[in-house]
């Protein structure tokens, strides 16, 4: 392997040696100097628009952006001086002059990159006066709210939408003072090709993009004595929400999470992992039927609503290949308002189901007409991890001091196969565990299918079950998924089972997860790996690790559904999809 050429330079009077092609910003970080930045993101292309990362390089009579300028042999760089600091401060002051003065009531107060940078650079007053941009908040969307007044034109949202998700929904419109970021055709978010994944929210350094708030209607339900208010929590929540309370990334806080929900006033707390197990039972049965019939292959997983939106808008020809299983969230909600309601003698209309999800697209999913059963919406509200963390803090609950609690039954039992749904490759692995035992009629000797674990973004593999070779693929982040989808559409390769997660890293990197703690960036694979490890650790310690071993699920089939794939199972647990074209197409 050829080693890169080494470049020697001086930064702030100190000699440093780095690889050729390294940016001045990265070279400075190697020696412990963090240069301020706003538009820069380590996982996205260079923009160089904010100019906050300027440095002085000997031989130039003007400042250069350290994010885009590459090191050169013998270069002499100054990252800090009175002139540099004043220029950076002037830039931030000019941005602030064209920014709303509502920090105390802003969703990102205390966790805003612009606010933090203003503080660190010593901006204590607004020195510039003049015309300020005015835009209405665009909140017609089911999931993503756009506030153009808080946009600083860093284009991180534009780049993540194009480069990571391959959707290309956002772009800059207008010129100069009138420039604004919006959907490519100027339409509202729901009317555009937006897939509601929320990655623009994670990438935004301010609050120009936010999730649609559901906290108000949840508080209202919790204060309504006529409602039985039930929460369900997705697998990845327990591996990430602790970051909002000072825990190290990768710390699982399942028991404290359940206790906190009970203290907030939820009457019961079910586990979305139960729905994940149920999904695997139904999906494995579906896969085996398709393999036997040799039709509608590959089977495409359908538990990621962002991916489902993408498929309906960009690959509608693959709709017949998608599993008809509802997402685990909707399965738990459907069973709560049918089986559980009947078992406890309750009217489904008196049950208010709240799902705590890492996913902004779940807010869109619950409004789809296909998820209304017998006149009742399956899920009434979706809280992101961020929203739940805020509610817990707002209520004065000291999360770290809580004792652990257990989920409530009958929809609180889960196997390890349900836990790993929260990370990329987890759905595939859980399905293979169940399919193996269903096909072979014997227990697995080795429970893990590590070949399908793909935090890096894309993986293809061949899995053999009793002589049956299955071509499988796992993709997270839709740019990665596109390479698999094109092979399917163009018949370049025959796959049998494909797992696609819209968000990078899978649900652990969802658009509703906590903003990354200090030392990490959004899209940070190290952060995703720590969260994924927490879920695999939970899985490894479970007594039962295959969905078919879930005793509560066996009971529900016996008492209510009959068998996997039955007519009633299809009514309650399955759904359908439709071609969704943006406005004007």
Protein backbone atom coordinates (compact mmCIF):
# COMPACT_ATOMS: atom_id res chain seq x y z
CA UNK A 1 0.00 0.00 0.00
CA UNK A 2 1.48 3.37 -1.05
CA UNK A 3 1.94 5.85 1.75
CA UNK A 4 0.83 9.42 1.19
CA UNK A 5 3.48 12.09 0.78
CA UNK A 6 4.13 13.94 4.02
CA UNK A 7 3.91 17.73 4.17
CA UNK A 8 5.69 19.79 6.83
CA UNK A 9 4.36 23.20 7.81
CA UNK A 10 4.20 25.59 10.71
CA UNK A 11 0.96 26.40 12.54
CA UNK A 12 1.03 29.08 15.21
CA UNK A 13 4.80 28.73 15.45
CA UNK A 14 4.74 24.94 15.91
CA UNK A 15 6.05 22.46 13.35
CA UNK A 16 3.55 19.84 12.19
CA UNK A 17 3.66 17.05 9.58
CA UNK A 18 0.51 15.78 7.86
CA UNK A 19 -0.53 13.85 4.76
CA UNK A 20 -0.56 15.66 1.44
CA UNK A 21 -4.07 16.85 0.62
CA UNK A 22 -4.96 17.61 4.24
CA UNK A 23 -6.85 20.84 4.79
CA UNK A 24 -5.36 23.53 7.00
CA UNK A 25 -8.33 23.03 9.34
CA UNK A 26 -7.60 19.31 9.77
CA UNK A 27 -3.87 19.98 10.17
CA UNK A 28 -4.63 22.44 12.97
CA UNK A 29 -6.92 19.91 14.66
CA UNK A 30 -4.10 17.35 14.59
CA UNK A 31 -2.11 19.63 16.88
CA UNK A 32 -5.02 20.44 19.17
CA UNK A 33 -6.30 23.70 17.64
CA UNK A 34 -9.99 23.83 16.75
CA UNK A 35 -10.71 26.56 14.23
CA UNK A 36 -14.29 27.92 14.43
CA UNK A 37 -16.63 26.88 11.62
CA UNK A 38 -20.31 26.92 10.64
CA UNK A 39 -20.83 25.69 7.08
CA UNK A 40 -18.17 22.97 7.33
CA UNK A 41 -19.23 19.37 7.99
CA UNK A 42 -16.68 16.53 7.94
CA UNK A 43 -19.02 14.13 6.12
CA UNK A 44 -20.22 16.58 3.45
CA UNK A 45 -18.67 18.37 0.50
CA UNK A 46 -16.92 21.69 1.06
CA UNK A 47 -19.02 24.84 0.84
CA UNK A 48 -16.71 27.56 2.12
CA UNK A 49 -19.56 30.04 2.43
CA UNK A 50 -19.56 31.13 6.07
CA UNK A 51 -15.92 32.36 6.13
CA UNK A 52 -15.75 31.85 9.90
CA UNK A 53 -12.79 29.46 9.60
CA UNK A 54 -10.44 32.07 8.10
CA UNK A 55 -6.71 31.92 8.86
CA UNK A 56 -3.69 33.98 7.85
CA UNK A 57 -1.06 32.31 5.64
CA UNK A 58 2.29 33.94 5.08
CA UNK A 59 2.62 35.25 1.54
CA UNK A 60 -1.07 36.11 1.15
CA UNK A 61 -2.37 39.59 1.84
CA UNK A 62 -5.86 38.33 2.62
CA UNK A 63 -7.39 35.68 4.87
CA UNK A 64 -8.07 32.17 3.52
CA UNK A 65 -10.69 29.60 4.54
CA UNK A 66 -8.98 26.77 6.40
CA UNK A 67 -11.67 24.22 5.49
CA UNK A 68 -10.91 24.40 1.78
CA UNK A 69 -7.24 25.40 1.57
CA UNK A 70 -4.81 22.47 1.41
CA UNK A 71 -1.46 22.36 3.19
CA UNK A 72 1.71 23.13 1.25
CA UNK A 73 5.33 22.39 2.06
CA UNK A 74 6.82 25.08 4.28
CA UNK A 75 3.51 26.87 4.75
CA UNK A 76 3.35 29.24 7.74
CA UNK A 77 -0.16 29.50 9.20
CA UNK A 78 -1.55 31.75 11.89
CA UNK A 79 -4.93 30.65 13.28
CA UNK A 80 -5.29 33.33 15.91
CA UNK A 81 -4.41 37.00 16.02
CA UNK A 82 -6.26 40.20 16.96
CA UNK A 83 -7.13 40.77 13.28
CA UNK A 84 -8.34 37.21 12.72
CA UNK A 85 -10.45 37.22 15.87
CA UNK A 86 -11.96 40.60 15.00
CA UNK A 87 -12.77 39.47 11.47
CA UNK A 88 -14.43 36.29 12.70
CA UNK A 89 -16.41 38.30 15.21
CA UNK A 90 -17.48 40.75 12.51
CA UNK A 91 -18.74 37.84 10.40
CA UNK A 92 -20.78 36.41 13.30
CA UNK A 93 -22.11 39.88 14.17
CA UNK A 94 -23.28 40.35 10.58
CA UNK A 95 -25.00 36.94 10.60
CA UNK A 96 -26.67 37.77 13.92
CA UNK A 97 -27.86 41.13 12.60
CA UNK A 98 -29.90 39.21 10.00
CA UNK A 99 -31.13 36.66 12.54
CA UNK A 100 -34.21 36.66 14.82
CA UNK A 101 -33.71 37.94 18.36
CA UNK A 102 -35.55 35.07 20.03
CA UNK A 103 -32.80 32.89 21.50
CA UNK A 104 -34.60 32.37 24.81
CA UNK A 105 -37.69 30.96 23.10
CA UNK A 106 -35.89 29.12 20.29
CA UNK A 107 -35.96 25.31 20.20
CA UNK A 108 -32.16 25.27 19.85
CA UNK A 109 -31.43 27.63 22.74
CA UNK A 110 -28.34 26.26 24.48
CA UNK A 111 -27.69 23.81 21.67
CA UNK A 112 -27.22 26.15 18.72
CA UNK A 113 -23.91 26.32 16.88
CA UNK A 114 -24.39 29.99 15.99
CA UNK A 115 -25.22 30.89 19.57
CA UNK A 116 -22.25 28.93 20.92
CA UNK A 117 -19.91 30.51 18.37
CA UNK A 118 -21.14 34.02 19.21
CA UNK A 119 -20.39 33.35 22.87
CA UNK A 120 -16.94 31.87 22.26
CA UNK A 121 -15.94 34.78 20.00
CA UNK A 122 -17.06 37.36 22.54
CA UNK A 123 -20.05 38.80 20.71
CA UNK A 124 -21.90 40.63 23.48
CA UNK A 125 -23.94 43.18 21.54
CA UNK A 126 -25.42 43.72 18.08
CA UNK A 127 -23.45 46.48 16.44
CA UNK A 128 -24.99 46.48 12.96
CA UNK A 129 -28.42 47.83 12.14
CA UNK A 130 -30.31 47.54 8.90
CA UNK A 131 -32.95 45.62 6.98
CA UNK A 132 -33.53 42.04 8.15
CA UNK A 133 -34.95 39.19 6.08
CA UNK A 134 -38.57 38.29 6.75
CA UNK A 135 -40.11 34.89 5.99
CA UNK A 136 -43.17 33.06 7.28
CA UNK A 137 -42.62 29.76 9.05
CA UNK A 138 -43.54 26.91 6.70
CA UNK A 139 -45.22 24.45 9.06
CA UNK A 140 -47.80 22.85 6.79
CA UNK A 141 -45.74 19.66 6.70
CA UNK A 142 -46.68 16.61 8.73
CA UNK A 143 -43.12 16.17 9.92
CA UNK A 144 -40.58 18.86 8.98
CA UNK A 145 -40.95 22.57 9.79
CA UNK A 146 -38.89 25.15 7.88
CA UNK A 147 -38.07 28.56 9.39
CA UNK A 148 -36.15 30.51 6.75
CA UNK A 149 -35.55 33.48 9.07
CA UNK A 150 -33.16 31.33 11.10
CA UNK A 151 -31.30 30.05 8.05
CA UNK A 152 -27.66 31.21 7.80
CA UNK A 153 -27.20 29.83 4.25
CA UNK A 154 -24.54 27.31 5.29
CA UNK A 155 -26.12 24.81 2.84
CA UNK A 156 -25.54 21.85 5.14
CA UNK A 157 -29.19 20.87 4.69
CA UNK A 158 -28.85 21.10 0.90
CA UNK A 159 -25.75 18.92 0.92
CA UNK A 160 -27.05 16.22 3.27
CA UNK A 161 -30.28 15.97 1.27
CA UNK A 162 -28.33 15.58 -1.98
CA UNK A 163 -25.14 13.75 -0.98
CA UNK A 164 -26.33 11.41 1.78
CA UNK A 165 -30.00 10.94 0.95
CA UNK A 166 -29.88 11.42 -2.81
CA UNK A 167 -33.21 13.24 -2.72
CA UNK A 168 -32.01 16.68 -3.88
CA UNK A 169 -35.13 18.34 -2.53
CA UNK A 170 -33.51 21.50 -1.15
CA UNK A 171 -31.70 24.28 -2.96
CA UNK A 172 -30.94 27.96 -2.63
CA UNK A 173 -33.38 30.28 -4.43
CA UNK A 174 -32.91 33.95 -5.20
CA UNK A 175 -29.77 36.05 -5.03
CA UNK A 176 -27.95 38.09 -2.43
CA UNK A 177 -30.13 39.36 0.40
CA UNK A 178 -33.16 37.50 -0.98
CA UNK A 179 -31.53 34.07 -1.02
CA UNK A 180 -33.61 31.41 0.72
CA UNK A 181 -33.36 27.62 1.07
CA UNK A 182 -36.52 25.76 0.11
CA UNK A 183 -37.69 22.75 -1.92
CA UNK A 184 -36.36 22.78 -5.46
CA UNK A 185 -39.73 23.76 -6.98
CA UNK A 186 -40.67 26.29 -4.31
CA UNK A 187 -43.47 24.12 -2.94
CA UNK A 188 -44.24 23.20 0.67
CA UNK A 189 -42.33 20.28 2.15
CA UNK A 190 -45.19 17.77 1.92
CA UNK A 191 -45.88 18.75 -1.70
CA UNK A 192 -42.24 18.32 -2.74
CA UNK A 193 -40.07 15.21 -3.08
CA UNK A 194 -39.18 15.49 0.64
CA UNK A 195 -39.22 12.04 2.24
CA UNK A 196 -39.57 13.47 5.79
CA UNK A 197 -36.37 11.78 7.01
CA UNK A 198 -35.31 14.81 9.04
CA UNK A 199 -31.62 14.65 8.17
CA UNK A 200 -31.84 18.36 7.30
CA UNK A 201 -32.82 18.95 10.94
CA UNK A 202 -29.77 17.12 12.22
CA UNK A 203 -27.44 18.90 9.81
CA UNK A 204 -28.76 22.41 10.49
CA UNK A 205 -26.57 24.39 12.94
CA UNK A 206 -29.46 26.63 14.02
CA UNK A 207 -33.22 26.00 14.04
CA UNK A 208 -34.01 26.63 10.39
CA UNK A 209 -35.35 23.05 10.26
CA UNK A 210 -37.21 21.36 13.10
CA UNK A 211 -39.57 18.44 13.60
CA UNK A 212 -43.31 19.11 13.84
CA UNK A 213 -44.00 19.41 17.55
CA UNK A 214 -46.36 16.85 19.10
CA UNK A 215 -45.59 17.63 22.75
CA UNK A 216 -48.62 19.90 23.22
CA UNK A 217 -51.16 17.26 22.26
CA UNK A 218 -49.35 14.67 24.38
CA UNK A 219 -49.54 16.96 27.44
CA UNK A 220 -53.24 17.46 26.68
CA UNK A 221 -53.87 13.72 26.54
CA UNK A 222 -51.93 13.11 29.75
CA UNK A 223 -54.20 15.62 31.49
CA UNK A 224 -57.41 14.04 30.15
CA UNK A 225 -58.81 11.56 32.73
CA UNK A 226 -61.04 9.94 30.10
CA UNK A 227 -58.03 8.72 28.10
CA UNK A 228 -55.86 5.67 28.72
CA UNK A 229 -52.54 7.11 27.56
CA UNK A 230 -49.99 4.51 26.46
CA UNK A 231 -46.42 5.04 25.31
CA UNK A 232 -44.35 2.72 23.19
CA UNK A 233 -40.62 3.19 22.67
CA UNK A 234 -38.49 2.25 19.67
CA UNK A 235 -35.36 0.09 20.05
CA UNK A 236 -32.84 2.84 19.31
CA UNK A 237 -34.30 5.29 21.85
CA UNK A 238 -32.81 3.38 24.76
CA UNK A 239 -29.35 3.55 23.20
CA UNK A 240 -29.35 7.31 22.56
CA UNK A 241 -31.61 9.29 24.89
CA UNK A 242 -29.10 9.05 27.75
CA UNK A 243 -26.83 11.43 25.82
CA UNK A 244 -29.30 14.20 26.63
CA UNK A 245 -28.79 13.61 30.34
CA UNK A 246 -25.00 13.49 30.40
CA UNK A 247 -24.45 9.78 29.80
CA UNK A 248 -21.64 8.64 27.54
CA UNK A 249 -22.77 7.64 24.02
CA UNK A 250 -23.61 3.94 23.90
CA UNK A 251 -25.13 3.84 27.39
CA UNK A 252 -28.44 2.00 27.35
CA UNK A 253 -31.05 3.48 29.70
CA UNK A 254 -34.06 1.23 29.12
CA UNK A 255 -35.26 0.92 32.72
CA UNK A 256 -34.90 4.62 33.53
CA UNK A 257 -36.70 5.49 30.29
CA UNK A 258 -39.73 3.42 31.34
CA UNK A 259 -39.72 4.97 34.82
CA UNK A 260 -39.54 8.49 33.39
CA UNK A 261 -42.53 7.82 31.14
CA UNK A 262 -44.55 6.58 34.11
CA UNK A 263 -43.61 9.70 36.08
CA UNK A 264 -44.77 11.86 33.18
CA UNK A 265 -48.20 10.28 33.65
CA UNK A 266 -48.37 7.55 31.04
CA UNK A 267 -50.73 4.82 32.23
CA UNK A 268 -48.80 2.03 30.49
CA UNK A 269 -45.55 1.66 28.58
CA UNK A 270 -45.33 -0.92 25.80
CA UNK A 271 -42.22 -1.86 23.86
CA UNK A 272 -41.94 -1.27 20.12
CA UNK A 273 -39.51 -4.20 20.22
CA UNK A 274 -42.60 -6.38 20.63
CA UNK A 275 -43.78 -4.99 17.29
CA UNK A 276 -40.34 -5.68 15.84
CA UNK A 277 -40.68 -9.33 16.85
CA UNK A 278 -44.16 -9.44 15.36
CA UNK A 279 -42.87 -7.84 12.17
CA UNK A 280 -40.25 -10.56 11.86
CA UNK A 281 -42.82 -13.32 12.31
CA UNK A 282 -45.01 -11.88 9.57
CA UNK A 283 -42.12 -10.84 7.33
CA UNK A 284 -40.38 -14.22 7.57
CA UNK A 285 -43.63 -15.92 6.62
CA UNK A 286 -43.97 -13.48 3.72
CA UNK A 287 -40.39 -14.14 2.57
CA UNK A 288 -40.84 -17.91 2.64
CA UNK A 289 -44.08 -17.65 0.62
CA UNK A 290 -42.35 -15.49 -1.99
CA UNK A 291 -39.34 -17.79 -2.18
CA UNK A 292 -41.62 -20.78 -2.74
CA UNK A 293 -43.67 -18.93 -5.36
CA UNK A 294 -40.58 -17.26 -6.87
CA UNK A 295 -42.40 -13.96 -7.21
CA UNK A 296 -41.93 -10.34 -6.13
CA UNK A 297 -38.33 -10.93 -5.19
CA UNK A 298 -36.36 -9.45 -3.64
CA UNK A 299 -38.48 -8.79 -0.59
CA UNK A 300 -37.77 -5.20 0.46
CA UNK A 301 -38.15 -4.37 4.15
CA UNK A 302 -40.71 -1.68 4.91
CA UNK A 303 -40.24 -0.59 8.53
CA UNK A 304 -38.40 2.65 7.67
CA UNK A 305 -41.06 5.26 6.72
CA UNK A 306 -38.46 7.54 5.13
CA UNK A 307 -37.46 4.70 2.82
CA UNK A 308 -41.11 3.91 2.06
CA UNK A 309 -41.66 7.57 1.10
CA UNK A 310 -38.54 7.43 -1.09
CA UNK A 311 -39.73 4.26 -2.80
CA UNK A 312 -43.17 5.69 -3.52
CA UNK A 313 -41.68 8.85 -5.04
CA UNK A 314 -38.53 7.61 -6.76
CA UNK A 315 -38.94 3.84 -7.32
CA UNK A 316 -42.70 3.18 -7.58
CA UNK A 317 -42.01 0.21 -9.86
CA UNK A 318 -40.64 -1.58 -6.77
CA UNK A 319 -43.82 -1.21 -4.71
CA UNK A 320 -44.82 -4.87 -5.40
CA UNK A 321 -41.49 -5.94 -3.88
CA UNK A 322 -42.00 -4.12 -0.58
CA UNK A 323 -43.09 -6.14 2.41
CA UNK A 324 -46.70 -5.36 3.22
CA UNK A 325 -45.97 -5.54 6.95
CA UNK A 326 -46.78 -2.42 8.90
CA UNK A 327 -43.85 -0.92 10.76
CA UNK A 328 -43.23 -2.26 14.29
CA UNK A 329 -44.65 0.99 15.70
CA UNK A 330 -47.90 0.58 13.78
CA UNK A 331 -48.13 -3.11 14.67
CA UNK A 332 -47.98 -2.30 18.39
CA UNK A 333 -50.55 0.47 17.94
CA UNK A 334 -52.83 -1.78 15.85
CA UNK A 335 -52.71 -4.58 18.40
CA UNK A 336 -53.28 -2.10 21.23
CA UNK A 337 -56.47 -0.78 19.61
CA UNK A 338 -57.75 -4.23 18.62
CA UNK A 339 -56.48 -7.14 20.71
CA UNK A 340 -55.64 -5.16 23.88
CA UNK A 341 -58.79 -3.03 23.70
CA UNK A 342 -60.97 -6.13 23.30
CA UNK A 343 -59.12 -8.00 26.06
CA UNK A 344 -59.54 -5.13 28.53
CA UNK A 345 -63.05 -4.12 27.43
CA UNK A 346 -62.04 -0.63 26.28
CA UNK A 347 -63.28 1.46 23.40
CA UNK A 348 -60.28 2.06 21.07
CA UNK A 349 -61.35 5.71 20.88
CA UNK A 350 -60.50 6.06 24.58
CA UNK A 351 -56.93 4.86 24.06
CA UNK A 352 -54.35 7.51 23.17
CA UNK A 353 -51.22 5.90 21.75
CA UNK A 354 -47.95 7.84 21.84
CA UNK A 355 -44.89 6.46 20.05
CA UNK A 356 -41.41 7.63 21.03
CA UNK A 357 -39.32 7.35 17.92
CA UNK A 358 -35.86 8.29 16.59
CA UNK A 359 -37.58 9.13 13.34
CA UNK A 360 -39.19 12.35 12.12
CA UNK A 361 -40.89 10.50 9.22
CA UNK A 362 -42.99 8.60 11.77
CA UNK A 363 -44.99 11.82 12.22
CA UNK A 364 -45.87 11.61 8.53
CA UNK A 365 -46.51 7.86 8.72
CA UNK A 366 -49.26 8.12 11.35
CA UNK A 367 -51.25 10.46 9.10
CA UNK A 368 -51.28 8.09 6.13
CA UNK A 369 -54.87 6.95 5.46
CA UNK A 370 -53.69 3.33 5.23
CA UNK A 371 -53.00 3.46 8.98
CA UNK A 372 -56.57 4.12 10.02
CA UNK A 373 -58.21 0.92 11.21
CA UNK A 374 -61.98 0.69 11.77
CA UNK A 375 -62.13 4.49 11.87
CA UNK A 376 -59.35 4.87 14.44
CA UNK A 377 -55.85 6.22 13.80
CA UNK A 378 -53.41 3.59 14.96
CA UNK A 379 -50.96 6.02 16.55
CA UNK A 380 -52.17 9.36 17.88
CA UNK A 381 -48.86 11.19 18.38
CA UNK A 382 -45.15 10.67 17.78
CA UNK A 383 -42.46 12.14 20.01
CA UNK A 384 -38.88 12.22 18.80
CA UNK A 385 -36.13 11.31 21.25
CA UNK A 386 -35.38 15.03 21.53
CA UNK A 387 -39.00 15.84 22.38
CA UNK A 388 -39.19 13.18 25.09
CA UNK A 389 -35.93 14.38 26.63
CA UNK A 390 -37.33 17.92 26.75
CA UNK A 391 -40.57 16.73 28.38
CA UNK A 392 -38.64 14.85 31.06
CA UNK A 393 -36.53 17.93 31.83
CA UNK A 394 -39.57 20.20 31.71
CA UNK A 395 -41.30 18.02 34.30
CA UNK A 396 -38.35 18.32 36.68
CA UNK A 397 -37.51 14.62 36.58
CA UNK A 398 -33.91 13.89 37.60
CA UNK A 399 -33.28 11.15 35.08
CA UNK A 400 -29.99 9.85 36.48
CA UNK A 401 -31.56 9.26 39.90
CA UNK A 402 -34.43 7.11 38.60
CA UNK A 403 -34.80 3.44 39.42
CA UNK A 404 -35.32 0.96 36.60
CA UNK A 405 -38.81 -0.22 35.65
CA UNK A 406 -40.13 -2.92 33.35
CA UNK A 407 -42.38 -2.61 30.31
CA UNK A 408 -46.05 -3.46 30.73
CA UNK A 409 -47.61 -6.58 29.26
CA UNK A 410 -49.05 -7.97 27.06
CA UNK A 411 -47.14 -5.83 24.54
CA UNK A 412 -43.94 -5.38 26.53
CA UNK A 413 -42.13 -8.67 25.97
CA UNK A 414 -39.42 -8.83 23.33
CA UNK A 415 -36.49 -10.93 22.19
CA UNK A 416 -33.00 -9.81 21.25
CA UNK A 417 -34.11 -9.86 17.64
CA UNK A 418 -36.37 -6.92 18.39
CA UNK A 419 -33.63 -4.88 20.04
CA UNK A 420 -31.30 -4.95 17.05
CA UNK A 421 -34.00 -3.44 14.80
CA UNK A 422 -32.61 -0.09 15.90
CA UNK A 423 -29.37 -0.44 13.97
CA UNK A 424 -28.67 -1.05 10.30
CA UNK A 425 -28.61 -4.74 9.44
CA UNK A 426 -30.71 -5.55 12.49
CA UNK A 427 -33.94 -6.19 10.60
CA UNK A 428 -32.08 -8.46 8.21
CA UNK A 429 -30.37 -10.37 11.01
CA UNK A 430 -33.58 -10.80 12.99
CA UNK A 431 -35.40 -12.03 9.87
CA UNK A 432 -32.64 -14.53 9.07
CA UNK A 433 -32.68 -15.91 12.61
CA UNK A 434 -36.41 -16.52 12.38
CA UNK A 435 -36.38 -17.75 8.77
CA UNK A 436 -33.59 -20.23 9.54
CA UNK A 437 -35.56 -21.85 12.37
CA UNK A 438 -38.79 -21.82 10.34
CA UNK A 439 -37.17 -23.44 7.30
CA UNK A 440 -34.91 -25.94 9.07
CA UNK A 441 -37.17 -26.71 12.06
CA UNK A 442 -34.12 -26.56 14.33
CA UNK A 443 -32.41 -24.13 16.65
CA UNK A 444 -29.52 -21.99 15.47
CA UNK A 445 -26.11 -23.09 16.71
CA UNK A 446 -24.70 -19.62 16.11
CA UNK A 447 -27.27 -16.90 16.66
CA UNK A 448 -25.46 -13.93 15.09
CA UNK A 449 -25.38 -13.12 11.37
CA UNK A 450 -22.55 -10.60 11.59
CA UNK A 451 -22.05 -10.49 7.82
CA UNK A 452 -25.16 -8.32 7.46
CA UNK A 453 -24.19 -5.74 10.08
CA UNK A 454 -23.40 -2.65 8.01
CA UNK A 455 -22.85 0.55 9.97
CA UNK A 456 -20.55 1.61 7.12
CA UNK A 457 -23.57 2.13 4.87
CA UNK A 458 -23.73 -0.71 2.35
CA UNK A 459 -23.17 -4.44 2.40
CA UNK A 460 -23.98 -7.38 0.16
CA UNK A 461 -23.68 -10.97 1.32
CA UNK A 462 -24.72 -14.55 0.65
CA UNK A 463 -26.42 -16.44 3.47
CA UNK A 464 -26.92 -20.19 3.24
CA UNK A 465 -29.84 -21.90 5.01
CA UNK A 466 -29.99 -25.69 4.60
CA UNK A 467 -28.49 -25.50 1.14
CA UNK A 468 -30.65 -22.54 0.13
CA UNK A 469 -28.40 -19.64 -0.84
CA UNK A 470 -29.92 -16.21 -0.28
CA UNK A 471 -28.43 -13.10 -1.83
CA UNK A 472 -29.02 -10.34 0.67
CA UNK A 473 -28.13 -6.67 0.87
CA UNK A 474 -28.25 -4.03 3.60
CA UNK A 475 -28.15 -0.28 2.95
CA UNK A 476 -28.52 2.79 5.14
CA UNK A 477 -28.64 6.31 3.77
CA UNK A 478 -30.50 6.48 0.50
CA UNK A 479 -27.52 7.31 -1.69
CA UNK A 480 -26.14 3.93 -0.62
CA UNK A 481 -29.53 2.31 -1.19
CA UNK A 482 -29.71 3.66 -4.72
CA UNK A 483 -26.78 1.49 -5.84
CA UNK A 484 -28.72 -1.62 -4.74
CA UNK A 485 -32.03 -0.40 -6.14
CA UNK A 486 -30.49 0.27 -9.55
CA UNK A 487 -29.14 -3.29 -9.66
CA UNK A 488 -32.64 -4.58 -8.93
CA UNK A 489 -34.40 -2.34 -11.45
CA UNK A 490 -31.84 -3.08 -14.16
CA UNK A 491 -31.84 -6.81 -13.29
CA UNK A 492 -28.08 -6.76 -12.83
CA UNK A 493 -28.27 -9.06 -9.80
CA UNK A 494 -30.88 -11.31 -8.22
CA UNK A 495 -31.40 -10.49 -4.55
CA UNK A 496 -33.79 -12.33 -2.27
CA UNK A 497 -33.97 -10.03 0.74
CA UNK A 498 -32.94 -6.37 0.99
CA UNK A 499 -33.02 -4.20 4.10
CA UNK A 500 -33.10 -0.45 3.52
CA UNK A 501 -33.00 2.21 6.22
CA UNK A 502 -33.44 5.81 5.13
CA UNK A 503 -31.19 7.30 7.77
CA UNK A 504 -27.40 6.86 7.99
CA UNK A 505 -26.62 4.11 10.48
CA UNK A 506 -30.27 3.10 10.55
CA UNK A 507 -32.62 4.25 13.32
CA UNK A 508 -29.71 5.05 15.64
CA UNK A 509 -28.93 7.93 13.25
CA UNK A 510 -32.55 8.98 12.82
CA UNK A 511 -33.64 12.55 12.21
CA UNK A 512 -35.20 12.74 15.68
CA UNK A 513 -32.25 11.52 17.73
CA UNK A 514 -30.40 13.80 20.17
CA UNK A 515 -28.09 16.36 18.63
CA UNK A 516 -24.61 14.84 18.89
CA UNK A 517 -22.71 15.35 22.15
CA UNK A 518 -19.44 17.26 22.29
CA UNK A 519 -16.72 15.53 20.30
CA UNK A 520 -19.09 14.06 17.71
CA UNK A 521 -20.75 15.32 14.54
CA UNK A 522 -24.00 14.36 12.90
CA UNK A 523 -23.40 11.42 10.51
CA UNK A 524 -20.53 10.33 12.80
CA UNK A 525 -19.96 6.61 12.29
CA UNK A 526 -18.15 6.36 15.64
CA UNK A 527 -21.27 7.66 17.37
CA UNK A 528 -23.48 5.27 15.40
CA UNK A 529 -21.18 2.37 16.31
CA UNK A 530 -21.44 3.18 20.03
CA UNK A 531 -25.23 3.33 19.87
CA UNK A 532 -25.33 0.10 17.84
CA UNK A 533 -23.08 -1.66 20.34
CA UNK A 534 -25.53 -0.82 23.12
CA UNK A 535 -28.31 -2.60 21.20
CA UNK A 536 -26.16 -5.63 20.39
CA UNK A 537 -25.20 -5.82 24.07
CA UNK A 538 -28.88 -5.86 25.06
CA UNK A 539 -29.51 -8.58 22.47
CA UNK A 540 -26.61 -10.73 23.68
CA UNK A 541 -27.95 -10.74 27.26
CA UNK A 542 -31.52 -11.69 26.38
CA UNK A 543 -32.70 -15.20 27.24
CA UNK A 544 -34.63 -15.37 23.96
CA UNK A 545 -33.06 -13.91 20.82
CA UNK A 546 -35.33 -15.18 18.03
CA UNK A 547 -38.72 -13.55 17.42
CA UNK A 548 -40.54 -16.88 17.25
CA UNK A 549 -39.61 -17.49 20.91
CA UNK A 550 -41.68 -14.53 22.13
CA UNK A 551 -44.35 -16.13 24.34
CA UNK A 552 -46.67 -13.10 24.25
CA UNK A 553 -46.72 -13.23 20.47
CA UNK A 554 -47.58 -16.94 20.57
CA UNK A 555 -50.48 -16.08 22.86
CA UNK A 556 -51.79 -13.34 20.56
CA UNK A 557 -51.75 -15.66 17.56
CA UNK A 558 -53.54 -18.30 19.60
CA UNK A 559 -56.15 -15.98 21.09
CA UNK A 560 -56.64 -13.48 18.29
CA UNK A 561 -54.79 -13.64 14.97
CA UNK A 562 -54.80 -17.35 14.20
CA UNK A 563 -51.54 -17.77 12.31
CA UNK A 564 -49.00 -15.62 10.45
CA UNK A 565 -50.43 -14.36 7.19
CA UNK A 566 -54.07 -15.08 8.16
CA UNK A 567 -56.86 -12.81 6.92
CA UNK A 568 -57.10 -11.12 10.32
CA UNK A 569 -53.33 -10.76 10.53
CA UNK A 570 -53.39 -9.05 7.14
CA UNK A 571 -56.12 -6.65 8.23
CA UNK A 572 -54.41 -5.71 11.49
CA UNK A 573 -50.71 -6.05 10.72
CA UNK A 574 -50.33 -5.32 7.01
CA UNK A 575 -50.69 -2.25 4.82
CA UNK A 576 -50.35 -1.06 1.22
CA UNK A 577 -48.40 1.60 -0.68
CA UNK A 578 -49.13 4.06 -3.45
CA UNK A 579 -47.32 6.14 -6.03
CA UNK A 580 -46.75 9.60 -4.56
CA UNK A 581 -45.71 12.26 -7.05
CA UNK A 582 -44.86 15.80 -5.95
CA UNK A 583 -47.19 18.64 -6.86
CA UNK A 584 -47.25 19.50 -10.54
CA UNK A 585 -45.87 16.17 -11.81
